[in-house]
């Protein structure tokens, strides 16, 4: 089934390496070119705001999902196609999963890792079977990937990590999976 909507999990801050913003903008252009609906955390700050702005400026569709507790803190985006305000972080993740065909994880903090691991866990438990991509901008996730490989080598995973996680180093690495 072709991907029509893609959840993006990323930081509500920009990070210090300029490649994070560069890759976020490039990914936004891919959304526009391939007419993908962006499903994201609903904020207007950091990489979240940047990806939403890029897709909106290009005439694309953007759906935000933000929990009530973060509305003031993350400053919900006022200029996107649709915004869902939900009761909790858990409901936010579930709604994002329900609205998307696949997910891509960009650099981010604890929340981004929480979203990644919950999604891959649900995938492993057959709650869903959506592809999960990790955009390893500038090697941001190298240590995490190394640790996941260690979990596999030490016998803690039920299957190879590569079955559940597809690592790409550039936004263009997503293109073969869209066609």
Protein backbone atom coordinates (compact mmCIF):
# COMPACT_ATOMS: atom_id res chain seq x y z
CA UNK A 1 0.00 0.00 0.00
CA UNK A 2 1.52 3.37 -0.94
CA UNK A 3 2.22 5.88 1.82
CA UNK A 4 -0.24 8.77 1.73
CA UNK A 5 0.28 10.13 5.23
CA UNK A 6 3.45 10.05 7.28
CA UNK A 7 3.84 10.78 10.98
CA UNK A 8 6.91 12.80 11.86
CA UNK A 9 8.32 12.53 15.36
CA UNK A 10 10.93 15.19 16.10
CA UNK A 11 12.15 17.78 18.55
CA UNK A 12 10.28 20.81 19.79
CA UNK A 13 13.72 22.45 19.76
CA UNK A 14 16.07 22.94 16.80
CA UNK A 15 19.20 21.30 18.16
CA UNK A 16 22.64 22.78 17.53
CA UNK A 17 23.73 21.06 14.31
CA UNK A 18 22.44 22.96 11.23
CA UNK A 19 21.95 19.66 9.39
CA UNK A 20 18.87 18.96 11.53
CA UNK A 21 17.07 22.00 10.16
CA UNK A 22 18.41 21.35 6.65
CA UNK A 23 17.09 17.78 6.65
CA UNK A 24 13.76 18.89 8.11
CA UNK A 25 13.31 21.37 5.26
CA UNK A 26 14.35 18.77 2.67
CA UNK A 27 11.85 16.32 4.15
CA UNK A 28 9.13 18.96 3.94
CA UNK A 29 9.86 19.36 0.23
CA UNK A 30 9.52 15.60 -0.22
CA UNK A 31 6.10 15.77 1.47
CA UNK A 32 5.03 18.44 -1.00
CA UNK A 33 6.44 16.74 -4.10
CA UNK A 34 4.84 13.39 -3.23
CA UNK A 35 1.59 14.88 -1.91
CA UNK A 36 2.03 13.27 1.50
CA UNK A 37 -0.06 14.40 4.44
CA UNK A 38 2.10 15.40 7.39
CA UNK A 39 0.90 14.12 10.76
CA UNK A 40 2.94 15.62 13.60
CA UNK A 41 2.86 16.86 17.20
CA UNK A 42 0.96 20.08 16.53
CA UNK A 43 3.52 22.60 17.80
CA UNK A 44 4.86 25.73 16.12
CA UNK A 45 8.35 25.63 17.66
CA UNK A 46 11.56 23.76 16.94
CA UNK A 47 11.74 21.14 14.24
CA UNK A 48 8.03 20.45 14.69
CA UNK A 49 7.14 23.98 13.68
CA UNK A 50 9.70 23.97 10.88
CA UNK A 51 8.35 20.83 9.17
CA UNK A 52 4.77 22.08 9.49
CA UNK A 53 5.65 25.49 8.08
CA UNK A 54 7.58 23.98 5.17
CA UNK A 55 4.70 21.70 4.16
CA UNK A 56 2.09 24.46 4.60
CA UNK A 57 4.17 26.96 2.57
CA UNK A 58 4.33 24.41 -0.23
CA UNK A 59 0.57 23.97 -0.26
CA UNK A 60 0.54 20.60 1.48
CA UNK A 61 -1.77 19.16 4.12
CA UNK A 62 -0.68 19.21 7.77
CA UNK A 63 -2.51 17.53 10.65
CA UNK A 64 -1.31 18.31 14.18
CA UNK A 65 -2.11 16.34 17.31
CA UNK A 66 -1.29 18.01 20.62
CA UNK A 67 -2.25 17.13 24.21
CA UNK A 68 -4.04 19.76 26.29
CA UNK A 69 -1.13 19.90 28.76
CA UNK A 70 1.27 21.01 26.01
CA UNK A 71 -0.94 23.56 24.27
CA UNK A 72 0.54 26.52 26.17
CA UNK A 73 4.06 25.12 26.42
CA UNK A 74 4.51 24.07 22.79
CA UNK A 75 2.31 26.83 21.44
CA UNK A 76 0.00 24.93 19.13
CA UNK A 77 0.32 25.82 15.49
CA UNK A 78 -2.43 28.18 14.32
CA UNK A 79 -1.77 27.91 10.57
CA UNK A 80 -2.08 24.20 9.77
CA UNK A 81 -4.80 22.30 7.95
CA UNK A 82 -6.21 20.58 11.02
CA UNK A 83 -5.38 20.42 14.73
CA UNK A 84 -6.60 17.83 17.22
CA UNK A 85 -6.28 18.70 20.91
CA UNK A 86 -6.33 15.46 22.91
CA UNK A 87 -6.37 14.58 26.59
CA UNK A 88 -2.96 12.93 27.01
CA UNK A 89 0.41 12.10 25.49
CA UNK A 90 -0.72 8.50 25.05
CA UNK A 91 -3.85 9.59 23.18
CA UNK A 92 -1.67 11.86 21.04
CA UNK A 93 0.58 8.99 19.94
CA UNK A 94 -2.37 6.70 19.26
CA UNK A 95 -4.13 9.37 17.19
CA UNK A 96 -0.95 10.06 15.21
CA UNK A 97 -0.56 6.32 14.52
CA UNK A 98 -4.19 6.07 13.45
CA UNK A 99 -3.86 9.02 11.05
CA UNK A 100 -0.64 7.86 9.38
CA UNK A 101 0.48 5.06 7.09
CA UNK A 102 4.09 5.08 8.36
CA UNK A 103 6.36 7.14 10.61
CA UNK A 104 9.72 8.83 10.39
CA UNK A 105 11.78 9.82 13.41
CA UNK A 106 14.02 12.88 13.18
CA UNK A 107 16.46 14.09 15.85
CA UNK A 108 14.78 15.03 19.10
CA UNK A 109 14.75 14.55 22.85
CA UNK A 110 13.04 12.25 25.34
CA UNK A 111 9.60 12.69 23.81
CA UNK A 112 10.87 11.71 20.38
CA UNK A 113 12.50 8.58 21.79
CA UNK A 114 9.31 7.73 23.68
CA UNK A 115 7.36 7.99 20.44
CA UNK A 116 9.89 5.87 18.56
CA UNK A 117 9.98 3.10 21.13
CA UNK A 118 6.25 2.99 21.69
CA UNK A 119 5.65 2.71 17.97
CA UNK A 120 8.26 -0.01 17.45
CA UNK A 121 6.91 -1.89 20.49
CA UNK A 122 3.35 -1.74 19.13
CA UNK A 123 4.73 -2.92 15.81
CA UNK A 124 6.51 -5.85 17.47
CA UNK A 125 3.29 -6.78 19.32
CA UNK A 126 1.32 -6.68 16.02
CA UNK A 127 -0.84 -3.80 17.22
CA UNK A 128 0.08 -2.27 13.86
CA UNK A 129 2.52 -3.03 11.07
CA UNK A 130 3.51 0.42 9.88
CA UNK A 131 7.00 1.06 8.60
CA UNK A 132 9.21 3.12 10.89
CA UNK A 133 12.06 5.14 9.42
CA UNK A 134 14.84 6.77 11.40
CA UNK A 135 16.43 9.81 9.75
CA UNK A 136 19.96 9.62 11.14
CA UNK A 137 20.87 13.23 10.35
CA UNK A 138 24.58 13.82 10.85
CA UNK A 139 24.88 10.51 12.73
CA UNK A 140 22.51 11.72 15.47
CA UNK A 141 21.20 8.20 16.13
CA UNK A 142 24.48 6.28 15.67
CA UNK A 143 24.77 5.40 19.37
CA UNK A 144 21.10 4.43 19.62
CA UNK A 145 21.40 2.19 16.55
CA UNK A 146 24.52 0.65 18.08
CA UNK A 147 22.58 -0.03 21.29
CA UNK A 148 19.65 -1.54 19.41
CA UNK A 149 22.11 -3.83 17.62
CA UNK A 150 23.53 -4.77 21.02
CA UNK A 151 20.04 -5.62 22.31
CA UNK A 152 19.69 -7.90 19.30
CA UNK A 153 23.15 -9.47 19.75
CA UNK A 154 22.45 -10.08 23.45
CA UNK A 155 19.21 -11.91 22.64
CA UNK A 156 16.66 -9.39 23.88
CA UNK A 157 14.79 -8.86 20.61
CA UNK A 158 12.31 -11.28 19.07
CA UNK A 159 13.43 -10.50 15.53
CA UNK A 160 16.06 -8.47 13.75
CA UNK A 161 15.80 -4.76 14.42
CA UNK A 162 16.08 -4.10 10.69
CA UNK A 163 12.68 -5.77 10.24
CA UNK A 164 11.08 -2.98 12.27
CA UNK A 165 13.39 0.01 11.80
CA UNK A 166 14.68 1.37 8.51
CA UNK A 167 17.59 3.77 8.98
CA UNK A 168 18.26 6.43 6.36
CA UNK A 169 20.99 9.06 6.45
CA UNK A 170 19.40 11.62 4.12
CA UNK A 171 15.77 12.62 3.55
CA UNK A 172 16.11 11.38 -0.06
CA UNK A 173 16.69 7.90 1.41
CA UNK A 174 12.93 7.80 1.99
CA UNK A 175 12.16 8.07 -1.74
CA UNK A 176 12.49 4.37 -2.67
CA UNK A 177 9.90 3.54 -0.02
CA UNK A 178 7.40 6.03 -1.46
CA UNK A 179 7.42 4.61 -4.99
